[in-house]
N, C-alpha and C. Protein backbone atom coordinates (compact mmCIF):
# COMPACT_ATOMS: atom_id res chain seq x y z
N MET A 1 -229.72 -44.65 204.82
CA MET A 1 -230.02 -44.64 203.41
C MET A 1 -230.86 -45.87 203.08
N ASN A 2 -231.91 -45.68 202.31
CA ASN A 2 -232.75 -46.80 201.91
C ASN A 2 -232.08 -47.59 200.81
N LYS A 3 -232.15 -48.90 200.94
CA LYS A 3 -231.60 -49.74 199.88
C LYS A 3 -232.70 -50.04 198.88
N LYS A 4 -232.37 -49.94 197.62
CA LYS A 4 -233.33 -50.23 196.57
C LYS A 4 -233.04 -51.63 196.03
N GLY A 5 -234.06 -52.27 195.51
CA GLY A 5 -233.91 -53.60 194.94
C GLY A 5 -233.39 -53.53 193.52
N LEU A 6 -232.11 -53.22 193.38
CA LEU A 6 -231.55 -53.08 192.04
C LEU A 6 -230.97 -54.40 191.57
N THR A 7 -231.07 -54.62 190.29
CA THR A 7 -230.52 -55.81 189.69
C THR A 7 -229.00 -55.69 189.64
N VAL A 8 -228.31 -56.69 190.11
CA VAL A 8 -226.86 -56.71 190.00
C VAL A 8 -226.57 -57.32 188.64
N SER A 9 -225.85 -56.55 187.84
CA SER A 9 -225.59 -57.05 186.49
C SER A 9 -224.11 -57.05 186.20
N LYS A 10 -223.71 -57.96 185.34
CA LYS A 10 -222.34 -57.97 184.86
C LYS A 10 -222.27 -57.00 183.69
N VAL A 11 -221.21 -56.26 183.62
CA VAL A 11 -221.08 -55.22 182.60
C VAL A 11 -220.44 -55.81 181.36
N SER A 12 -221.15 -55.73 180.26
CA SER A 12 -220.57 -56.16 178.99
C SER A 12 -220.12 -54.92 178.22
N GLU A 13 -219.22 -55.12 177.29
CA GLU A 13 -218.74 -54.00 176.47
C GLU A 13 -219.88 -53.35 175.71
N LYS A 14 -220.81 -54.16 175.24
CA LYS A 14 -221.97 -53.65 174.51
C LYS A 14 -222.82 -52.72 175.39
N GLU A 15 -223.05 -53.12 176.64
CA GLU A 15 -223.83 -52.30 177.57
C GLU A 15 -223.12 -51.00 177.90
N LEU A 16 -221.80 -51.07 178.06
CA LEU A 16 -221.04 -49.87 178.36
C LEU A 16 -221.12 -48.85 177.23
N ARG A 17 -221.16 -49.32 176.00
CA ARG A 17 -221.25 -48.42 174.85
C ARG A 17 -222.59 -47.71 174.81
N LYS A 18 -223.63 -48.32 175.35
CA LYS A 18 -224.95 -47.68 175.39
C LYS A 18 -224.96 -46.48 176.32
N SER A 19 -224.29 -46.59 177.44
CA SER A 19 -224.20 -45.45 178.36
C SER A 19 -222.86 -44.78 178.11
N LYS A 20 -222.87 -43.79 177.26
CA LYS A 20 -221.65 -43.16 176.77
C LYS A 20 -220.83 -42.49 177.87
N TYR A 21 -221.47 -42.04 178.92
CA TYR A 21 -220.81 -41.16 179.87
C TYR A 21 -220.36 -41.84 181.15
N LEU A 22 -220.77 -43.07 181.39
CA LEU A 22 -220.45 -43.75 182.64
C LEU A 22 -219.26 -44.67 182.47
N ASN A 23 -218.38 -44.67 183.47
CA ASN A 23 -217.27 -45.62 183.42
C ASN A 23 -217.73 -46.94 184.05
N ASN A 24 -216.87 -47.90 184.06
CA ASN A 24 -217.21 -49.25 184.53
C ASN A 24 -217.69 -49.25 185.98
N ASP A 25 -216.98 -48.55 186.88
CA ASP A 25 -217.37 -48.50 188.29
C ASP A 25 -218.71 -47.80 188.48
N GLU A 26 -218.92 -46.71 187.75
CA GLU A 26 -220.19 -45.98 187.86
C GLU A 26 -221.35 -46.83 187.35
N TYR A 27 -221.11 -47.59 186.31
CA TYR A 27 -222.16 -48.46 185.76
C TYR A 27 -222.56 -49.53 186.77
N LYS A 28 -221.59 -50.07 187.47
CA LYS A 28 -221.87 -51.10 188.47
C LYS A 28 -222.60 -50.53 189.68
N ASN A 29 -222.20 -49.31 190.10
CA ASN A 29 -222.82 -48.67 191.26
C ASN A 29 -223.18 -47.24 190.86
N LEU A 30 -224.38 -47.06 190.36
CA LEU A 30 -224.80 -45.78 189.80
C LEU A 30 -224.82 -44.65 190.81
N TYR A 31 -224.91 -44.98 192.08
CA TYR A 31 -224.96 -43.94 193.10
C TYR A 31 -223.61 -43.22 193.24
N ILE A 32 -222.54 -43.81 192.75
CA ILE A 32 -221.23 -43.17 192.76
C ILE A 32 -221.29 -41.85 191.98
N VAL A 33 -222.04 -41.84 190.90
CA VAL A 33 -222.18 -40.62 190.08
C VAL A 33 -222.67 -39.47 190.95
N PHE A 34 -223.72 -39.70 191.71
CA PHE A 34 -224.31 -38.64 192.53
C PHE A 34 -223.41 -38.26 193.69
N VAL A 35 -222.76 -39.24 194.30
CA VAL A 35 -221.83 -38.96 195.40
C VAL A 35 -220.71 -38.04 194.90
N ASN A 36 -220.15 -38.36 193.75
CA ASN A 36 -219.05 -37.55 193.21
C ASN A 36 -219.51 -36.13 192.87
N VAL A 37 -220.65 -36.00 192.25
CA VAL A 37 -221.15 -34.67 191.88
C VAL A 37 -221.48 -33.85 193.12
N PHE A 38 -222.17 -34.45 194.09
CA PHE A 38 -222.56 -33.70 195.28
C PHE A 38 -221.40 -33.46 196.25
N ASN A 39 -220.31 -34.19 196.08
CA ASN A 39 -219.10 -33.88 196.85
C ASN A 39 -218.38 -32.67 196.27
N ARG A 40 -218.55 -32.43 194.99
CA ARG A 40 -217.87 -31.32 194.31
C ARG A 40 -218.69 -30.04 194.27
N PHE A 41 -220.01 -30.17 194.24
CA PHE A 41 -220.89 -29.01 194.06
C PHE A 41 -222.02 -29.04 195.08
N THR A 42 -222.51 -27.86 195.43
CA THR A 42 -223.68 -27.79 196.30
C THR A 42 -224.93 -27.97 195.46
N ILE A 43 -226.03 -28.28 196.11
CA ILE A 43 -227.29 -28.44 195.39
C ILE A 43 -227.68 -27.12 194.72
N GLU A 44 -227.33 -26.01 195.35
CA GLU A 44 -227.63 -24.70 194.76
C GLU A 44 -226.85 -24.48 193.48
N GLN A 45 -225.57 -24.88 193.46
CA GLN A 45 -224.76 -24.75 192.25
C GLN A 45 -225.30 -25.62 191.13
N ILE A 46 -225.71 -26.82 191.49
CA ILE A 46 -226.22 -27.75 190.48
C ILE A 46 -227.53 -27.22 189.89
N SER A 47 -228.45 -26.82 190.75
CA SER A 47 -229.75 -26.35 190.25
C SER A 47 -229.60 -25.04 189.47
N LYS A 48 -228.76 -24.12 189.95
CA LYS A 48 -228.55 -22.86 189.24
C LYS A 48 -227.93 -23.10 187.86
N SER A 49 -226.93 -23.97 187.81
CA SER A 49 -226.28 -24.29 186.52
C SER A 49 -227.28 -24.92 185.56
N PHE A 50 -228.09 -25.82 186.07
CA PHE A 50 -229.06 -26.51 185.22
C PHE A 50 -230.12 -25.54 184.69
N PHE A 51 -230.65 -24.68 185.56
CA PHE A 51 -231.67 -23.75 185.13
C PHE A 51 -231.09 -22.64 184.24
N ASP A 52 -229.86 -22.23 184.48
CA ASP A 52 -229.21 -21.27 183.58
C ASP A 52 -229.04 -21.88 182.19
N LEU A 53 -228.68 -23.14 182.15
CA LEU A 53 -228.56 -23.84 180.87
C LEU A 53 -229.90 -23.88 180.14
N ILE A 54 -230.96 -24.19 180.85
CA ILE A 54 -232.30 -24.23 180.24
C ILE A 54 -232.70 -22.85 179.73
N LEU A 55 -232.49 -21.82 180.54
CA LEU A 55 -232.84 -20.46 180.11
C LEU A 55 -232.06 -20.05 178.87
N ALA A 56 -230.77 -20.37 178.83
CA ALA A 56 -229.96 -20.03 177.66
C ALA A 56 -230.44 -20.80 176.43
N THR A 57 -230.83 -22.04 176.62
CA THR A 57 -231.31 -22.86 175.51
C THR A 57 -232.62 -22.30 174.96
N MET A 58 -233.48 -21.82 175.83
CA MET A 58 -234.79 -21.33 175.42
C MET A 58 -234.78 -19.86 174.97
N ALA A 59 -233.65 -19.17 175.15
CA ALA A 59 -233.57 -17.74 174.82
C ALA A 59 -233.80 -17.53 173.32
N ASN A 60 -234.43 -16.40 173.01
CA ASN A 60 -234.72 -16.11 171.60
C ASN A 60 -233.80 -15.07 171.00
N SER A 61 -232.69 -14.78 171.70
CA SER A 61 -231.71 -13.87 171.11
C SER A 61 -230.31 -14.37 171.45
N LEU A 62 -229.36 -14.00 170.61
CA LEU A 62 -227.98 -14.43 170.82
C LEU A 62 -227.42 -13.89 172.13
N TYR A 63 -227.83 -12.70 172.50
CA TYR A 63 -227.36 -12.07 173.73
C TYR A 63 -227.69 -12.91 174.96
N HIS A 64 -228.85 -13.53 174.97
CA HIS A 64 -229.29 -14.32 176.13
C HIS A 64 -228.82 -15.78 176.09
N LYS A 65 -228.09 -16.15 175.05
CA LYS A 65 -227.60 -17.53 174.94
C LYS A 65 -226.40 -17.79 175.85
N ASP A 66 -225.78 -16.73 176.35
CA ASP A 66 -224.63 -16.86 177.23
C ASP A 66 -225.12 -17.26 178.63
N TYR A 67 -224.45 -18.19 179.26
CA TYR A 67 -224.86 -18.61 180.60
C TYR A 67 -223.65 -19.01 181.42
N CYS A 68 -223.81 -19.00 182.73
CA CYS A 68 -222.75 -19.39 183.66
C CYS A 68 -223.08 -20.79 184.17
N CYS A 69 -222.16 -21.70 183.97
CA CYS A 69 -222.41 -23.09 184.37
C CYS A 69 -221.23 -23.60 185.18
N ASN A 70 -221.42 -23.75 186.48
CA ASN A 70 -220.37 -24.29 187.34
C ASN A 70 -220.19 -25.79 187.14
N VAL A 71 -221.28 -26.45 186.85
CA VAL A 71 -221.28 -27.91 186.71
C VAL A 71 -221.12 -28.24 185.22
N SER A 72 -220.20 -29.12 184.91
CA SER A 72 -219.93 -29.44 183.51
C SER A 72 -221.08 -30.25 182.90
N MET A 73 -221.20 -30.15 181.60
CA MET A 73 -222.22 -30.92 180.88
C MET A 73 -221.99 -32.42 181.07
N LEU A 74 -220.73 -32.81 181.21
CA LEU A 74 -220.43 -34.22 181.43
C LEU A 74 -221.11 -34.72 182.70
N ASN A 75 -221.08 -33.91 183.76
CA ASN A 75 -221.75 -34.31 185.01
C ASN A 75 -223.26 -34.42 184.83
N PHE A 76 -223.85 -33.48 184.09
CA PHE A 76 -225.29 -33.58 183.82
C PHE A 76 -225.62 -34.84 183.03
N HIS A 77 -224.81 -35.15 182.02
CA HIS A 77 -225.03 -36.36 181.23
C HIS A 77 -224.88 -37.62 182.08
N LYS A 78 -223.88 -37.62 182.94
CA LYS A 78 -223.68 -38.78 183.82
C LYS A 78 -224.89 -38.97 184.74
N MET A 79 -225.38 -37.87 185.33
CA MET A 79 -226.53 -37.99 186.23
C MET A 79 -227.77 -38.46 185.48
N LEU A 80 -227.98 -37.96 184.27
CA LEU A 80 -229.14 -38.40 183.49
C LEU A 80 -229.03 -39.87 183.10
N ASP A 81 -227.84 -40.31 182.68
CA ASP A 81 -227.64 -41.74 182.38
C ASP A 81 -227.88 -42.59 183.62
N ALA A 82 -227.37 -42.14 184.76
CA ALA A 82 -227.54 -42.89 186.01
C ALA A 82 -229.02 -42.98 186.38
N CYS A 83 -229.75 -41.86 186.25
CA CYS A 83 -231.19 -41.87 186.56
C CYS A 83 -231.92 -42.88 185.67
N LYS A 84 -231.60 -42.87 184.40
CA LYS A 84 -232.26 -43.78 183.45
C LYS A 84 -231.99 -45.24 183.83
N LEU A 85 -230.74 -45.56 184.12
CA LEU A 85 -230.41 -46.94 184.47
C LEU A 85 -230.98 -47.36 185.82
N ILE A 86 -231.02 -46.45 186.78
CA ILE A 86 -231.62 -46.76 188.08
C ILE A 86 -233.08 -47.11 187.89
N GLN A 87 -233.78 -46.34 187.07
CA GLN A 87 -235.20 -46.63 186.82
C GLN A 87 -235.36 -47.97 186.11
N GLN A 88 -234.48 -48.28 185.18
CA GLN A 88 -234.56 -49.56 184.47
C GLN A 88 -234.29 -50.74 185.40
N ARG A 89 -233.41 -50.55 186.36
CA ARG A 89 -233.05 -51.64 187.28
C ARG A 89 -233.96 -51.74 188.49
N ASP A 90 -234.76 -50.74 188.73
CA ASP A 90 -235.64 -50.72 189.91
C ASP A 90 -236.67 -51.85 189.80
N LYS A 91 -236.68 -52.70 190.80
CA LYS A 91 -237.60 -53.84 190.78
C LYS A 91 -238.91 -53.51 191.46
N THR A 92 -239.04 -52.32 192.03
CA THR A 92 -240.25 -51.92 192.73
C THR A 92 -241.39 -51.78 191.75
N THR A 93 -242.54 -52.31 192.11
CA THR A 93 -243.72 -52.13 191.26
C THR A 93 -244.62 -51.09 191.88
N TYR A 94 -245.17 -50.27 191.05
CA TYR A 94 -246.05 -49.20 191.51
C TYR A 94 -247.45 -49.46 191.00
N LEU A 95 -248.43 -49.26 191.86
CA LEU A 95 -249.83 -49.46 191.46
C LEU A 95 -250.46 -48.17 191.04
């Protein structure tokens, strides 16, 4: 696994409130979020759930608003929060 140059930060209560979905351990090590999700679900389940959610959201009738989601919305929110924070902490510069 490649190591990224992430900033090690101390977690303040104020910072924790900004990321509503991450607990203290996940905030310190954001990769825990992905390990936990991918230990519980396959990539196929995650992608199917995500795309079913998008299709239901974009549907133009009540009948098509129903969708099957194996992965909870909490997991999607956690992964999105983790992605955002990883990008903010990434010290790599791109040209």
